[in-house]
Each structure stands twice: as structure tokens, then as C-alpha cells.
Amino acid sequence: MTRKRALSIKNWIKTMGFELTKYHQLQNRTKKIKYYTLGNFGVYEEITPARTTTGKRQKFISWTPWGDHFEVNSVKDLSQAYHNFVNYSPN
């Protein structure tokens, strides 16, 4: 994922009011995982160091209480997933 796309997703998460609920460091503190939630809907950001000049690789995964998990590649994907969740969730 490009840095610009990752920043736009992070800005959308912040704008919507998601809260950072958990933070883990794995693999000798090289891999970082940040969990963001808004109600029962969540997104986690996985940051791993890359062996290239870009410095790191970022990946965003969305999840719902029903067990749906998928990789988010754009703000449009994440926004659509959140709105689908809101439409199907009675709470």
C-alpha cells in the first residue's frame, strides 16, 4: 500500500471518531498492530518493516462481530464496509 493511501485511511479513521483500543508489538518489536474500534466495528493496522527504501509496509484489515475480515485497500472500501455494517446492525 502506498504511503498516501495509508495516510488517507488513517485520516478517515480519525475523522470518523474511531478509538485506538489496543496496540501490540510482535516479532522482537518489529511488527506493530494497532486496533481501532467504533462501536462493534473495527479496523486494525499492521505495520511491518520492509527491506526496501520505503521503510515499512502497512496493511489495514476490517472486522465485524459476525466474523467478517477483509483487507482494506482504500477509503472507499473502508467507508462502504462501515456503512454496510451500520445498515445490518440493529445497534
C-alpha atoms as a PDB file:
ATOM      1  CA  MET A   1       0.000   0.000   0.000  1.00  0.00           C
ATOM      2  CA  THR A   2       1.322   3.438  -0.844  1.00  0.00           C
ATOM      3  CA  ARG A   3       2.062   5.904   1.897  1.00  0.00           C
ATOM      4  CA  LYS A   4      -0.501   8.388   0.556  1.00  0.00           C
ATOM      5  CA  ARG A   5      -3.267   5.783   0.576  1.00  0.00           C
ATOM      6  CA  ALA A   6      -2.359   4.652   4.109  1.00  0.00           C
ATOM      7  CA  LEU A   7      -2.450   8.257   5.333  1.00  0.00           C
ATOM      8  CA  SER A   8      -5.857   8.844   3.771  1.00  0.00           C
ATOM      9  CA  ILE A   9      -7.231   5.727   5.512  1.00  0.00           C
ATOM     10  CA  LYS A  10      -5.745   6.827   8.852  1.00  0.00           C
ATOM     11  CA  ASN A  11      -7.255  10.309   8.422  1.00  0.00           C
ATOM     12  CA  TRP A  12     -10.675   8.794   7.700  1.00  0.00           C
ATOM     13  CA  ILE A  13     -10.393   6.615  10.806  1.00  0.00           C
ATOM     14  CA  LYS A  14      -9.518   9.650  12.907  1.00  0.00           C
ATOM     15  CA  THR A  15     -12.261  11.810  11.351  1.00  0.00           C
ATOM     16  CA  MET A  16     -14.959   9.193  11.966  1.00  0.00           C
ATOM     17  CA  GLY A  17     -14.046   9.026  15.654  1.00  0.00           C
ATOM     18  CA  PHE A  18     -12.526   5.565  15.903  1.00  0.00           C
ATOM     19  CA  GLU A  19     -10.626   4.940  19.133  1.00  0.00           C
ATOM     20  CA  LEU A  20      -7.272   3.198  19.465  1.00  0.00           C
ATOM     21  CA  THR A  21      -8.232   0.317  21.750  1.00  0.00           C
ATOM     22  CA  LYS A  22      -5.183  -1.977  21.646  1.00  0.00           C
ATOM     23  CA  TYR A  23      -1.595  -1.866  20.497  1.00  0.00           C
ATOM     24  CA  HIS A  24       0.764  -4.839  20.153  1.00  0.00           C
ATOM     25  CA  GLN A  25       4.364  -5.256  19.123  1.00  0.00           C
ATOM     26  CA  LEU A  26       5.340  -8.663  17.761  1.00  0.00           C
ATOM     27  CA  GLN A  27       8.397 -10.401  16.323  1.00  0.00           C
ATOM     28  CA  ASN A  28      11.002  -8.757  18.555  1.00  0.00           C
ATOM     29  CA  ARG A  29       9.194  -5.418  18.367  1.00  0.00           C
ATOM     30  CA  THR A  30       9.457  -5.138  14.600  1.00  0.00           C
ATOM     31  CA  LYS A  31       5.795  -5.769  13.708  1.00  0.00           C
ATOM     32  CA  LYS A  32       3.208  -3.378  15.158  1.00  0.00           C
ATOM     33  CA  ILE A  33      -0.541  -3.927  15.260  1.00  0.00           C
ATOM     34  CA  LYS A  34      -2.958  -1.142  16.216  1.00  0.00           C
ATOM     35  CA  TYR A  35      -6.657  -1.874  16.794  1.00  0.00           C
ATOM     36  CA  TYR A  36      -9.194   0.893  16.157  1.00  0.00           C
ATOM     37  CA  THR A  37     -12.885   0.486  17.025  1.00  0.00           C
ATOM     38  CA  LEU A  38     -16.089   2.440  16.585  1.00  0.00           C
ATOM     39  CA  GLY A  39     -18.868   0.603  18.357  1.00  0.00           C
ATOM     40  CA  ASN A  40     -18.651  -3.042  17.298  1.00  0.00           C
ATOM     41  CA  PHE A  41     -16.936  -2.256  14.011  1.00  0.00           C
ATOM     42  CA  GLY A  42     -13.170  -2.378  13.922  1.00  0.00           C
ATOM     43  CA  VAL A  43     -10.073  -1.930  11.834  1.00  0.00           C
ATOM     44  CA  TYR A  44      -6.561  -2.976  12.604  1.00  0.00           C
ATOM     45  CA  GLU A  45      -3.410  -1.589  11.119  1.00  0.00           C
ATOM     46  CA  GLU A  46      -0.469  -3.916  10.645  1.00  0.00           C
ATOM     47  CA  ILE A  47       2.917  -2.265  10.181  1.00  0.00           C
ATOM     48  CA  THR A  48       5.920  -4.385   9.235  1.00  0.00           C
ATOM     49  CA  PRO A  49       9.381  -3.214   8.256  1.00  0.00           C
ATOM     50  CA  ALA A  50      10.188  -3.611   4.601  1.00  0.00           C
ATOM     51  CA  ARG A  51      13.563  -4.368   3.135  1.00  0.00           C
ATOM     52  CA  THR A  52      13.127  -1.616   0.572  1.00  0.00           C
ATOM     53  CA  THR A  53      13.704   2.123   0.686  1.00  0.00           C
ATOM     54  CA  THR A  54      10.063   2.838   1.572  1.00  0.00           C
ATOM     55  CA  GLY A  55      10.842   1.814   5.129  1.00  0.00           C
ATOM     56  CA  LYS A  56       7.645  -0.019   6.114  1.00  0.00           C
ATOM     57  CA  ARG A  57       4.625  -1.852   4.785  1.00  0.00           C
ATOM     58  CA  GLN A  58       1.172  -1.034   6.080  1.00  0.00           C
ATOM     59  CA  LYS A  59      -1.940  -3.144   5.801  1.00  0.00           C
ATOM     60  CA  PHE A  60      -5.438  -2.392   7.103  1.00  0.00           C
ATOM     61  CA  ILE A  61      -7.875  -5.202   7.942  1.00  0.00           C
ATOM     62  CA  SER A  62     -11.521  -4.593   8.806  1.00  0.00           C
ATOM     63  CA  TRP A  63     -13.599  -6.866  11.010  1.00  0.00           C
ATOM     64  CA  THR A  64     -17.162  -7.136  12.284  1.00  0.00           C
ATOM     65  CA  PRO A  65     -18.683  -9.058  15.200  1.00  0.00           C
ATOM     66  CA  TRP A  66     -20.023 -11.602  12.695  1.00  0.00           C
ATOM     67  CA  GLY A  67     -16.515 -12.749  11.842  1.00  0.00           C
ATOM     68  CA  ASP A  68     -16.108 -10.892   8.556  1.00  0.00           C
ATOM     69  CA  HIS A  69     -12.478  -9.949   7.899  1.00  0.00           C
ATOM     70  CA  PHE A  70     -11.096  -8.360   4.762  1.00  0.00           C
ATOM     71  CA  GLU A  71      -8.166  -6.239   3.708  1.00  0.00           C
ATOM     72  CA  VAL A  72      -8.961  -2.585   3.119  1.00  0.00           C
ATOM     73  CA  ASN A  73      -7.246  -1.024   0.115  1.00  0.00           C
ATOM     74  CA  SER A  74      -8.861   2.423   0.052  1.00  0.00           C
ATOM     75  CA  VAL A  75     -11.025   4.842   1.999  1.00  0.00           C
ATOM     76  CA  LYS A  76     -13.902   3.893  -0.299  1.00  0.00           C
ATOM     77  CA  ASP A  77     -13.593   0.208   0.710  1.00  0.00           C
ATOM     78  CA  LEU A  78     -13.494   1.068   4.403  1.00  0.00           C
ATOM     79  CA  SER A  79     -16.362   3.545   4.154  1.00  0.00           C
ATOM     80  CA  GLN A  80     -18.517   1.031   2.282  1.00  0.00           C
ATOM     81  CA  ALA A  81     -17.764  -1.693   4.840  1.00  0.00           C
ATOM     82  CA  TYR A  82     -18.674   0.626   7.711  1.00  0.00           C
ATOM     83  CA  HIS A  83     -21.939   1.735   6.090  1.00  0.00           C
ATOM     84  CA  ASN A  84     -22.884  -1.875   5.337  1.00  0.00           C
ATOM     85  CA  PHE A  85     -22.190  -2.720   8.973  1.00  0.00           C
ATOM     86  CA  VAL A  86     -24.374   0.164  10.175  1.00  0.00           C
ATOM     87  CA  ASN A  87     -27.221  -0.871   7.850  1.00  0.00           C
ATOM     88  CA  TYR A  88     -27.169  -4.510   9.037  1.00  0.00           C
ATOM     89  CA  SER A  89     -26.500  -3.879  12.717  1.00  0.00           C
ATOM     90  CA  PRO A  90     -29.576  -3.046  14.813  1.00  0.00           C
ATOM     91  CA  ASN A  91     -27.446  -1.294  17.447  1.00  0.00           C
END
